[in-house]
Amino acid sequence: DVVQLAQDLTPYATTAITAYGAAVLARV
């Protein structure tokens, strides 16, 4: 269920973005 999965994953993604900024996409 991609709608529910997207809803569930967004808090993790935004927390990582808040912590690392654009560097969140770095491999390391």
mmCIF file of all heavy atoms, coordinates in Angstrom:
data_MODEL
# 
_entry.id   MODEL 
# 
loop_
_atom_site.group_PDB 
_atom_site.id 
_atom_site.type_symbol 
_atom_site.label_atom_id 
_atom_site.label_alt_id 
_atom_site.label_comp_id 
_atom_site.label_asym_id 
_atom_site.label_entity_id 
_atom_site.label_seq_id 
_atom_site.pdbx_PDB_ins_code 
_atom_site.Cartn_x 
_atom_site.Cartn_y 
_atom_site.Cartn_z 
_atom_site.occupancy 
_atom_site.B_iso_or_equiv 
_atom_site.pdbx_formal_charge 
_atom_site.auth_seq_id 
_atom_site.auth_comp_id 
_atom_site.auth_asym_id 
_atom_site.auth_atom_id 
_atom_site.pdbx_PDB_model_num 
ATOM 1   N N   . ASP A 1 1  ? 0.866  -1.166 0.000  1.00 0.00 ? 1  ASP A N   1 
ATOM 2   C CA  . ASP A 1 1  ? 0.000  0.000  0.000  1.00 0.00 ? 1  ASP A CA  1 
ATOM 3   C C   . ASP A 1 1  ? 0.911  1.226  0.000  1.00 0.00 ? 1  ASP A C   1 
ATOM 4   O O   . ASP A 1 1  ? 1.361  1.680  1.057  1.00 0.00 ? 1  ASP A O   1 
ATOM 5   C CB  . ASP A 1 1  ? -0.907 -0.019 1.230  1.00 0.00 ? 1  ASP A CB  1 
ATOM 6   C CG  . ASP A 1 1  ? -1.842 1.179  1.314  1.00 0.00 ? 1  ASP A CG  1 
ATOM 7   O OD1 . ASP A 1 1  ? -1.726 2.112  0.488  1.00 0.00 ? 1  ASP A OD1 1 
ATOM 8   O OD2 . ASP A 1 1  ? -2.693 1.181  2.220  1.00 0.00 ? 1  ASP A OD2 1 
ATOM 9   N N   . VAL A 1 2  ? 1.197  1.757  -1.197 1.00 0.00 ? 2  VAL A N   1 
ATOM 10  C CA  . VAL A 1 2  ? 2.169  2.849  -1.305 1.00 0.00 ? 2  VAL A CA  1 
ATOM 11  C C   . VAL A 1 2  ? 1.670  4.140  -0.669 1.00 0.00 ? 2  VAL A C   1 
ATOM 12  O O   . VAL A 1 2  ? 2.484  4.940  -0.199 1.00 0.00 ? 2  VAL A O   1 
ATOM 13  C CB  . VAL A 1 2  ? 2.617  3.093  -2.760 1.00 0.00 ? 2  VAL A CB  1 
ATOM 14  C CG1 . VAL A 1 2  ? 3.371  1.907  -3.299 1.00 0.00 ? 2  VAL A CG1 1 
ATOM 15  C CG2 . VAL A 1 2  ? 1.476  3.471  -3.652 1.00 0.00 ? 2  VAL A CG2 1 
ATOM 16  N N   . VAL A 1 3  ? 0.392  4.355  -0.626 1.00 0.00 ? 3  VAL A N   1 
ATOM 17  C CA  . VAL A 1 3  ? -0.146 5.555  0.023  1.00 0.00 ? 3  VAL A CA  1 
ATOM 18  C C   . VAL A 1 3  ? 0.192  5.513  1.511  1.00 0.00 ? 3  VAL A C   1 
ATOM 19  O O   . VAL A 1 3  ? 0.724  6.474  2.077  1.00 0.00 ? 3  VAL A O   1 
ATOM 20  C CB  . VAL A 1 3  ? -1.666 5.687  -0.203 1.00 0.00 ? 3  VAL A CB  1 
ATOM 21  C CG1 . VAL A 1 3  ? -2.235 6.833  0.608  1.00 0.00 ? 3  VAL A CG1 1 
ATOM 22  C CG2 . VAL A 1 3  ? -1.973 5.875  -1.682 1.00 0.00 ? 3  VAL A CG2 1 
ATOM 23  N N   . GLN A 1 4  ? -0.084 4.389  2.165  1.00 0.00 ? 4  GLN A N   1 
ATOM 24  C CA  . GLN A 1 4  ? 0.222  4.252  3.588  1.00 0.00 ? 4  GLN A CA  1 
ATOM 25  C C   . GLN A 1 4  ? 1.726  4.243  3.821  1.00 0.00 ? 4  GLN A C   1 
ATOM 26  O O   . GLN A 1 4  ? 2.221  4.851  4.768  1.00 0.00 ? 4  GLN A O   1 
ATOM 27  C CB  . GLN A 1 4  ? -0.405 2.978  4.162  1.00 0.00 ? 4  GLN A CB  1 
ATOM 28  C CG  . GLN A 1 4  ? -0.208 2.829  5.661  1.00 0.00 ? 4  GLN A CG  1 
ATOM 29  C CD  . GLN A 1 4  ? -0.834 3.959  6.449  1.00 0.00 ? 4  GLN A CD  1 
ATOM 30  O OE1 . GLN A 1 4  ? -2.001 4.268  6.270  1.00 0.00 ? 4  GLN A OE1 1 
ATOM 31  N NE2 . GLN A 1 4  ? -0.064 4.574  7.325  1.00 0.00 ? 4  GLN A NE2 1 
ATOM 32  N N   . LEU A 1 5  ? 2.472  3.565  2.959  1.00 0.00 ? 5  LEU A N   1 
ATOM 33  C CA  . LEU A 1 5  ? 3.917  3.512  3.115  1.00 0.00 ? 5  LEU A CA  1 
ATOM 34  C C   . LEU A 1 5  ? 4.525  4.904  2.987  1.00 0.00 ? 5  LEU A C   1 
ATOM 35  O O   . LEU A 1 5  ? 5.394  5.284  3.773  1.00 0.00 ? 5  LEU A O   1 
ATOM 36  C CB  . LEU A 1 5  ? 4.532  2.549  2.092  1.00 0.00 ? 5  LEU A CB  1 
ATOM 37  C CG  . LEU A 1 5  ? 6.027  2.269  2.234  1.00 0.00 ? 5  LEU A CG  1 
ATOM 38  C CD1 . LEU A 1 5  ? 6.364  1.698  3.615  1.00 0.00 ? 5  LEU A CD1 1 
ATOM 39  C CD2 . LEU A 1 5  ? 6.482  1.310  1.142  1.00 0.00 ? 5  LEU A CD2 1 
ATOM 40  N N   . ALA A 1 6  ? 4.065  5.684  2.019  1.00 0.00 ? 6  ALA A N   1 
ATOM 41  C CA  . ALA A 1 6  ? 4.557  7.064  1.869  1.00 0.00 ? 6  ALA A CA  1 
ATOM 42  C C   . ALA A 1 6  ? 4.247  7.873  3.121  1.00 0.00 ? 6  ALA A C   1 
ATOM 43  O O   . ALA A 1 6  ? 5.094  8.641  3.604  1.00 0.00 ? 6  ALA A O   1 
ATOM 44  C CB  . ALA A 1 6  ? 3.940  7.719  0.638  1.00 0.00 ? 6  ALA A CB  1 
ATOM 45  N N   . GLN A 1 7  ? 3.052  7.696  3.664  1.00 0.00 ? 7  GLN A N   1 
ATOM 46  C CA  . GLN A 1 7  ? 2.662  8.387  4.895  1.00 0.00 ? 7  GLN A CA  1 
ATOM 47  C C   . GLN A 1 7  ? 3.584  7.984  6.042  1.00 0.00 ? 7  GLN A C   1 
ATOM 48  O O   . GLN A 1 7  ? 4.014  8.824  6.822  1.00 0.00 ? 7  GLN A O   1 
ATOM 49  C CB  . GLN A 1 7  ? 1.213  8.042  5.239  1.00 0.00 ? 7  GLN A CB  1 
ATOM 50  C CG  . GLN A 1 7  ? 0.683  8.731  6.466  1.00 0.00 ? 7  GLN A CG  1 
ATOM 51  C CD  . GLN A 1 7  ? 0.369  10.190 6.227  1.00 0.00 ? 7  GLN A CD  1 
ATOM 52  O OE1 . GLN A 1 7  ? 0.070  10.596 5.121  1.00 0.00 ? 7  GLN A OE1 1 
ATOM 53  N NE2 . GLN A 1 7  ? 0.444  10.978 7.271  1.00 0.00 ? 7  GLN A NE2 1 
ATOM 54  N N   . ASP A 1 8  ? 3.915  6.705  6.136  1.00 0.00 ? 8  ASP A N   1 
ATOM 55  C CA  . ASP A 1 8  ? 4.774  6.202  7.203  1.00 0.00 ? 8  ASP A CA  1 
ATOM 56  C C   . ASP A 1 8  ? 6.226  6.653  7.053  1.00 0.00 ? 8  ASP A C   1 
ATOM 57  O O   . ASP A 1 8  ? 6.917  6.879  8.046  1.00 0.00 ? 8  ASP A O   1 
ATOM 58  C CB  . ASP A 1 8  ? 4.735  4.673  7.245  1.00 0.00 ? 8  ASP A CB  1 
ATOM 59  C CG  . ASP A 1 8  ? 3.386  4.113  7.683  1.00 0.00 ? 8  ASP A CG  1 
ATOM 60  O OD1 . ASP A 1 8  ? 2.536  4.883  8.182  1.00 0.00 ? 8  ASP A OD1 1 
ATOM 61  O OD2 . ASP A 1 8  ? 3.184  2.900  7.498  1.00 0.00 ? 8  ASP A OD2 1 
ATOM 62  N N   . LEU A 1 9  ? 6.714  6.754  5.819  1.00 0.00 ? 9  LEU A N   1 
ATOM 63  C CA  . LEU A 1 9  ? 8.121  7.059  5.587  1.00 0.00 ? 9  LEU A CA  1 
ATOM 64  C C   . LEU A 1 9  ? 8.458  8.542  5.682  1.00 0.00 ? 9  LEU A C   1 
ATOM 65  O O   . LEU A 1 9  ? 9.588  8.906  5.988  1.00 0.00 ? 9  LEU A O   1 
ATOM 66  C CB  . LEU A 1 9  ? 8.541  6.538  4.209  1.00 0.00 ? 9  LEU A CB  1 
ATOM 67  C CG  . LEU A 1 9  ? 8.469  5.033  3.999  1.00 0.00 ? 9  LEU A CG  1 
ATOM 68  C CD1 . LEU A 1 9  ? 8.911  4.675  2.583  1.00 0.00 ? 9  LEU A CD1 1 
ATOM 69  C CD2 . LEU A 1 9  ? 9.303  4.287  5.024  1.00 0.00 ? 9  LEU A CD2 1 
ATOM 70  N N   . THR A 1 10 ? 7.484  9.400  5.417  1.00 0.00 ? 10 THR A N   1 
ATOM 71  C CA  . THR A 1 10 ? 7.750  10.839 5.372  1.00 0.00 ? 10 THR A CA  1 
ATOM 72  C C   . THR A 1 10 ? 8.355  11.388 6.666  1.00 0.00 ? 10 THR A C   1 
ATOM 73  O O   . THR A 1 10 ? 9.294  12.182 6.596  1.00 0.00 ? 10 THR A O   1 
ATOM 74  C CB  . THR A 1 10 ? 6.487  11.613 4.961  1.00 0.00 ? 10 THR A CB  1 
ATOM 75  O OG1 . THR A 1 10 ? 6.081  11.147 3.672  1.00 0.00 ? 10 THR A OG1 1 
ATOM 76  C CG2 . THR A 1 10 ? 6.752  13.103 4.884  1.00 0.00 ? 10 THR A CG2 1 
ATOM 77  N N   . PRO A 1 11 ? 7.894  10.992 7.864  1.00 0.00 ? 11 PRO A N   1 
ATOM 78  C CA  . PRO A 1 11 ? 8.537  11.522 9.073  1.00 0.00 ? 11 PRO A CA  1 
ATOM 79  C C   . PRO A 1 11 ? 10.026 11.174 9.164  1.00 0.00 ? 11 PRO A C   1 
ATOM 80  O O   . PRO A 1 11 ? 10.827 11.979 9.628  1.00 0.00 ? 11 PRO A O   1 
ATOM 81  C CB  . PRO A 1 11 ? 7.757  10.871 10.217 1.00 0.00 ? 11 PRO A CB  1 
ATOM 82  C CG  . PRO A 1 11 ? 6.446  10.505 9.635  1.00 0.00 ? 11 PRO A CG  1 
ATOM 83  C CD  . PRO A 1 11 ? 6.723  10.172 8.196  1.00 0.00 ? 11 PRO A CD  1 
ATOM 84  N N   . TYR A 1 12 ? 10.404 9.982  8.720  1.00 0.00 ? 12 TYR A N   1 
ATOM 85  C CA  . TYR A 1 12 ? 11.819 9.611  8.728  1.00 0.00 ? 12 TYR A CA  1 
ATOM 86  C C   . TYR A 1 12 ? 12.606 10.494 7.764  1.00 0.00 ? 12 TYR A C   1 
ATOM 87  O O   . TYR A 1 12 ? 13.697 10.963 8.071  1.00 0.00 ? 12 TYR A O   1 
ATOM 88  C CB  . TYR A 1 12 ? 12.002 8.149  8.326  1.00 0.00 ? 12 TYR A CB  1 
ATOM 89  C CG  . TYR A 1 12 ? 11.379 7.159  9.268  1.00 0.00 ? 12 TYR A CG  1 
ATOM 90  C CD1 . TYR A 1 12 ? 10.209 6.493  8.926  1.00 0.00 ? 12 TYR A CD1 1 
ATOM 91  C CD2 . TYR A 1 12 ? 11.957 6.878  10.504 1.00 0.00 ? 12 TYR A CD2 1 
ATOM 92  C CE1 . TYR A 1 12 ? 9.629  5.572  9.784  1.00 0.00 ? 12 TYR A CE1 1 
ATOM 93  C CE2 . TYR A 1 12 ? 11.384 5.959  11.366 1.00 0.00 ? 12 TYR A CE2 1 
ATOM 94  C CZ  . TYR A 1 12 ? 10.219 5.310  10.997 1.00 0.00 ? 12 TYR A CZ  1 
ATOM 95  O OH  . TYR A 1 12 ? 9.648  4.396  11.849 1.00 0.00 ? 12 TYR A OH  1 
ATOM 96  N N   . ALA A 1 13 ? 12.048 10.687 6.576  1.00 0.00 ? 13 ALA A N   1 
ATOM 97  C CA  . ALA A 1 13 ? 12.722 11.486 5.556  1.00 0.00 ? 13 ALA A CA  1 
ATOM 98  C C   . ALA A 1 13 ? 12.884 12.928 6.020  1.00 0.00 ? 13 ALA A C   1 
ATOM 99  O O   . ALA A 1 13 ? 13.975 13.503 5.910  1.00 0.00 ? 13 ALA A O   1 
ATOM 100 C CB  . ALA A 1 13 ? 11.951 11.424 4.234  1.00 0.00 ? 13 ALA A CB  1 
ATOM 101 N N   . THR A 1 14 ? 11.827 13.522 6.560  1.00 0.00 ? 14 THR A N   1 
ATOM 102 C CA  . THR A 1 14 ? 11.929 14.916 6.986  1.00 0.00 ? 14 THR A CA  1 
ATOM 103 C C   . THR A 1 14 ? 12.857 15.080 8.191  1.00 0.00 ? 14 THR A C   1 
ATOM 104 O O   . THR A 1 14 ? 13.558 16.081 8.293  1.00 0.00 ? 14 THR A O   1 
ATOM 105 C CB  . THR A 1 14 ? 10.537 15.514 7.286  1.00 0.00 ? 14 THR A CB  1 
ATOM 106 O OG1 . THR A 1 14 ? 9.875  14.720 8.265  1.00 0.00 ? 14 THR A OG1 1 
ATOM 107 C CG2 . THR A 1 14 ? 9.693  15.617 6.033  1.00 0.00 ? 14 THR A CG2 1 
ATOM 108 N N   . THR A 1 15 ? 12.899 14.099 9.069  1.00 0.00 ? 15 THR A N   1 
ATOM 109 C CA  . THR A 1 15 ? 13.830 14.156 10.197 1.00 0.00 ? 15 THR A CA  1 
ATOM 110 C C   . THR A 1 15 ? 15.271 14.113 9.707  1.00 0.00 ? 15 THR A C   1 
ATOM 111 O O   . THR A 1 15 ? 16.127 14.863 10.172 1.00 0.00 ? 15 THR A O   1 
ATOM 112 C CB  . THR A 1 15 ? 13.570 13.001 11.185 1.00 0.00 ? 15 THR A CB  1 
ATOM 113 O OG1 . THR A 1 15 ? 12.244 13.134 11.695 1.00 0.00 ? 15 THR A OG1 1 
ATOM 114 C CG2 . THR A 1 15 ? 14.559 13.028 12.340 1.00 0.00 ? 15 THR A CG2 1 
ATOM 115 N N   . ALA A 1 16 ? 15.546 13.251 8.738  1.00 0.00 ? 16 ALA A N   1 
ATOM 116 C CA  . ALA A 1 16 ? 16.893 13.166 8.182  1.00 0.00 ? 16 ALA A CA  1 
ATOM 117 C C   . ALA A 1 16 ? 17.264 14.452 7.457  1.00 0.00 ? 16 ALA A C   1 
ATOM 118 O O   . ALA A 1 16 ? 18.394 14.944 7.569  1.00 0.00 ? 16 ALA A O   1 
ATOM 119 C CB  . ALA A 1 16 ? 16.992 11.978 7.235  1.00 0.00 ? 16 ALA A CB  1 
ATOM 120 N N   . ILE A 1 17 ? 16.315 15.026 6.719  1.00 0.00 ? 17 ILE A N   1 
ATOM 121 C CA  . ILE A 1 17 ? 16.578 16.285 6.012  1.00 0.00 ? 17 ILE A CA  1 
ATOM 122 C C   . ILE A 1 17 ? 16.845 17.399 7.013  1.00 0.00 ? 17 ILE A C   1 
ATOM 123 O O   . ILE A 1 17 ? 17.763 18.202 6.827  1.00 0.00 ? 17 ILE A O   1 
ATOM 124 C CB  . ILE A 1 17 ? 15.403 16.644 5.081  1.00 0.00 ? 17 ILE A CB  1 
ATOM 125 C CG1 . ILE A 1 17 ? 15.296 15.626 3.939  1.00 0.00 ? 17 ILE A CG1 1 
ATOM 126 C CG2 . ILE A 1 17 ? 15.558 18.058 4.520  1.00 0.00 ? 17 ILE A CG2 1 
ATOM 127 C CD1 . ILE A 1 17 ? 13.997 15.693 3.163  1.00 0.00 ? 17 ILE A CD1 1 
ATOM 128 N N   . THR A 1 18 ? 16.066 17.447 8.086  1.00 0.00 ? 18 THR A N   1 
ATOM 129 C CA  . THR A 1 18 ? 16.264 18.460 9.117  1.00 0.00 ? 18 THR A CA  1 
ATOM 130 C C   . THR A 1 18 ? 17.651 18.324 9.743  1.00 0.00 ? 18 THR A C   1 
ATOM 131 O O   . THR A 1 18 ? 18.328 19.308 10.002 1.00 0.00 ? 18 THR A O   1 
ATOM 132 C CB  . THR A 1 18 ? 15.177 18.351 10.206 1.00 0.00 ? 18 THR A CB  1 
ATOM 133 O OG1 . THR A 1 18 ? 13.901 18.550 9.594  1.00 0.00 ? 18 THR A OG1 1 
ATOM 134 C CG2 . THR A 1 18 ? 15.373 19.383 11.293 1.00 0.00 ? 18 THR A CG2 1 
ATOM 135 N N   . ALA A 1 19 ? 18.090 17.101 9.968  1.00 0.00 ? 19 ALA A N   1 
ATOM 136 C CA  . ALA A 1 19 ? 19.382 16.865 10.612 1.00 0.00 ? 19 ALA A CA  1 
ATOM 137 C C   . ALA A 1 19 ? 20.561 17.134 9.687  1.00 0.00 ? 19 ALA A C   1 
ATOM 138 O O   . ALA A 1 19 ? 21.555 17.718 10.100 1.00 0.00 ? 19 ALA A O   1 
ATOM 139 C CB  . ALA A 1 19 ? 19.446 15.436 11.131 1.00 0.00 ? 19 ALA A CB  1 
ATOM 140 N N   . TYR A 1 20 ? 20.475 16.687 8.428  1.00 0.00 ? 20 TYR A N   1 
ATOM 141 C CA  . TYR A 1 20 ? 21.618 16.740 7.530  1.00 0.00 ? 20 TYR A CA  1 
ATOM 142 C C   . TYR A 1 20 ? 21.511 17.769 6.420  1.00 0.00 ? 20 TYR A C   1 
ATOM 143 O O   . TYR A 1 20 ? 22.470 17.994 5.703  1.00 0.00 ? 20 TYR A O   1 
ATOM 144 C CB  . TYR A 1 20 ? 21.829 15.378 6.867  1.00 0.00 ? 20 TYR A CB  1 
ATOM 145 C CG  . TYR A 1 20 ? 22.369 14.315 7.791  1.00 0.00 ? 20 TYR A CG  1 
ATOM 146 C CD1 . TYR A 1 20 ? 21.984 12.998 7.634  1.00 0.00 ? 20 TYR A CD1 1 
ATOM 147 C CD2 . TYR A 1 20 ? 23.274 14.609 8.798  1.00 0.00 ? 20 TYR A CD2 1 
ATOM 148 C CE1 . TYR A 1 20 ? 22.476 11.998 8.461  1.00 0.00 ? 20 TYR A CE1 1 
ATOM 149 C CE2 . TYR A 1 20 ? 23.758 13.620 9.631  1.00 0.00 ? 20 TYR A CE2 1 
ATOM 150 C CZ  . TYR A 1 20 ? 23.365 12.322 9.452  1.00 0.00 ? 20 TYR A CZ  1 
ATOM 151 O OH  . TYR A 1 20 ? 23.850 11.343 10.262 1.00 0.00 ? 20 TYR A OH  1 
ATOM 152 N N   . GLY A 1 21 ? 20.339 18.352 6.218  1.00 0.00 ? 21 GLY A N   1 
ATOM 153 C CA  . GLY A 1 21 ? 20.167 19.266 5.094  1.00 0.00 ? 21 GLY A CA  1 
ATOM 154 C C   . GLY A 1 21 ? 20.297 18.501 3.791  1.00 0.00 ? 21 GLY A C   1 
ATOM 155 O O   . GLY A 1 21 ? 20.018 17.302 3.718  1.00 0.00 ? 21 GLY A O   1 
ATOM 156 N N   . ALA A 1 22 ? 20.735 19.183 2.758  1.00 0.00 ? 22 ALA A N   1 
ATOM 157 C CA  . ALA A 1 22 ? 20.853 18.552 1.442  1.00 0.00 ? 22 ALA A CA  1 
ATOM 158 C C   . ALA A 1 22 ? 21.904 17.444 1.432  1.00 0.00 ? 22 ALA A C   1 
ATOM 159 O O   . ALA A 1 22 ? 21.875 16.568 0.569  1.00 0.00 ? 22 ALA A O   1 
ATOM 160 C CB  . ALA A 1 22 ? 21.183 19.596 0.381  1.00 0.00 ? 22 ALA A CB  1 
ATOM 161 N N   . ALA A 1 23 ? 22.810 17.436 2.405  1.00 0.00 ? 23 ALA A N   1 
ATOM 162 C CA  . ALA A 1 23 ? 23.842 16.395 2.483  1.00 0.00 ? 23 ALA A CA  1 
ATOM 163 C C   . ALA A 1 23 ? 23.246 15.037 2.821  1.00 0.00 ? 23 ALA A C   1 
ATOM 164 O O   . ALA A 1 23 ? 23.946 14.030 2.784  1.00 0.00 ? 23 ALA A O   1 
ATOM 165 C CB  . ALA A 1 23 ? 24.891 16.775 3.516  1.00 0.00 ? 23 ALA A CB  1 
ATOM 166 N N   . VAL A 1 24 ? 21.946 14.987 3.122  1.00 0.00 ? 24 VAL A N   1 
ATOM 167 C CA  . VAL A 1 24 ? 21.291 13.722 3.447  1.00 0.00 ? 24 VAL A CA  1 
ATOM 168 C C   . VAL A 1 24 ? 21.408 12.721 2.301  1.00 0.00 ? 24 VAL A C   1 
ATOM 169 O O   . VAL A 1 24 ? 21.377 11.517 2.513  1.00 0.00 ? 24 VAL A O   1 
ATOM 170 C CB  . VAL A 1 24 ? 19.804 13.954 3.827  1.00 0.00 ? 24 VAL A CB  1 
ATOM 171 C CG1 . VAL A 1 24 ? 18.976 14.294 2.618  1.00 0.00 ? 24 VAL A CG1 1 
ATOM 172 C CG2 . VAL A 1 24 ? 19.237 12.749 4.546  1.00 0.00 ? 24 VAL A CG2 1 
ATOM 173 N N   . LEU A 1 25 ? 21.573 13.198 1.088  1.00 0.00 ? 25 LEU A N   1 
ATOM 174 C CA  . LEU A 1 25 ? 21.660 12.307 -0.058 1.00 0.00 ? 25 LEU A CA  1 
ATOM 175 C C   . LEU A 1 25 ? 23.077 11.779 -0.289 1.00 0.00 ? 25 LEU A C   1 
ATOM 176 O O   . LEU A 1 25 ? 23.302 10.975 -1.187 1.00 0.00 ? 25 LEU A O   1 
ATOM 177 C CB  . LEU A 1 25 ? 21.174 13.022 -1.327 1.00 0.00 ? 25 LEU A CB  1 
ATOM 178 C CG  . LEU A 1 25 ? 19.703 13.442 -1.285 1.00 0.00 ? 25 LEU A CG  1 
ATOM 179 C CD1 . LEU A 1 25 ? 19.338 14.205 -2.540 1.00 0.00 ? 25 LEU A CD1 1 
ATOM 180 C CD2 . LEU A 1 25 ? 18.800 12.248 -1.095 1.00 0.00 ? 25 LEU A CD2 1 
ATOM 181 N N   . ALA A 1 26 ? 24.013 12.204 0.544  1.00 0.00 ? 26 ALA A N   1 
ATOM 182 C CA  . ALA A 1 26 ? 25.391 11.721 0.419  1.00 0.00 ? 26 ALA A CA  1 
ATOM 183 C C   . ALA A 1 26 ? 25.446 10.246 0.773  1.00 0.00 ? 26 ALA A C   1 
ATOM 184 O O   . ALA A 1 26 ? 24.670 9.750  1.577  1.00 0.00 ? 26 ALA A O   1 
ATOM 185 C CB  . ALA A 1 26 ? 26.317 12.509 1.345  1.00 0.00 ? 26 ALA A CB  1 
ATOM 186 N N   . ARG A 1 27 ? 26.361 9.542  0.166  1.00 0.00 ? 27 ARG A N   1 
ATOM 187 C CA  . ARG A 1 27 ? 26.462 8.090  0.359  1.00 0.00 ? 27 ARG A CA  1 
ATOM 188 C C   . ARG A 1 27 ? 26.948 7.709  1.752  1.00 0.00 ? 27 ARG A C   1 
ATOM 189 O O   . ARG A 1 27 ? 26.561 6.695  2.297  1.00 0.00 ? 27 ARG A O   1 
ATOM 190 C CB  . ARG A 1 27 ? 27.400 7.523  -0.701 1.00 0.00 ? 27 ARG A CB  1 
ATOM 191 C CG  . ARG A 1 27 ? 27.598 6.025  -0.557 1.00 0.00 ? 27 ARG A CG  1 
ATOM 192 C CD  . ARG A 1 27 ? 27.490 5.329  -1.867 1.00 0.00 ? 27 ARG A CD  1 
ATOM 193 N NE  . ARG A 1 27 ? 27.855 3.960  -1.790 1.00 0.00 ? 27 ARG A NE  1 
ATOM 194 C CZ  . ARG A 1 27 ? 27.030 2.988  -1.411 1.00 0.00 ? 27 ARG A CZ  1 
ATOM 195 N NH1 . ARG A 1 27 ? 25.820 3.251  -1.045 1.00 0.00 ? 27 ARG A NH1 1 
ATOM 196 N NH2 . ARG A 1 27 ? 27.438 1.729  -1.391 1.00 0.00 ? 27 ARG A NH2 1 
ATOM 197 N N   . VAL A 1 28 ? 27.808 8.507  2.342  1.00 0.00 ? 28 VAL A N   1 
ATOM 198 C CA  . VAL A 1 28 ? 28.443 8.149  3.607  1.00 0.00 ? 28 VAL A CA  1 
ATOM 199 C C   . VAL A 1 28 ? 27.550 8.520  4.788  1.00 0.00 ? 28 VAL A C   1 
ATOM 200 O O   . VAL A 1 28 ? 27.015 9.603  4.852  1.00 0.00 ? 28 VAL A O   1 
ATOM 201 C CB  . VAL A 1 28 ? 29.798 8.879  3.746  1.00 0.00 ? 28 VAL A CB  1 
ATOM 202 C CG1 . VAL A 1 28 ? 30.468 8.538  5.057  1.00 0.00 ? 28 VAL A CG1 1 
ATOM 203 C CG2 . VAL A 1 28 ? 30.703 8.512  2.585  1.00 0.00 ? 28 VAL A CG2 1 
# 
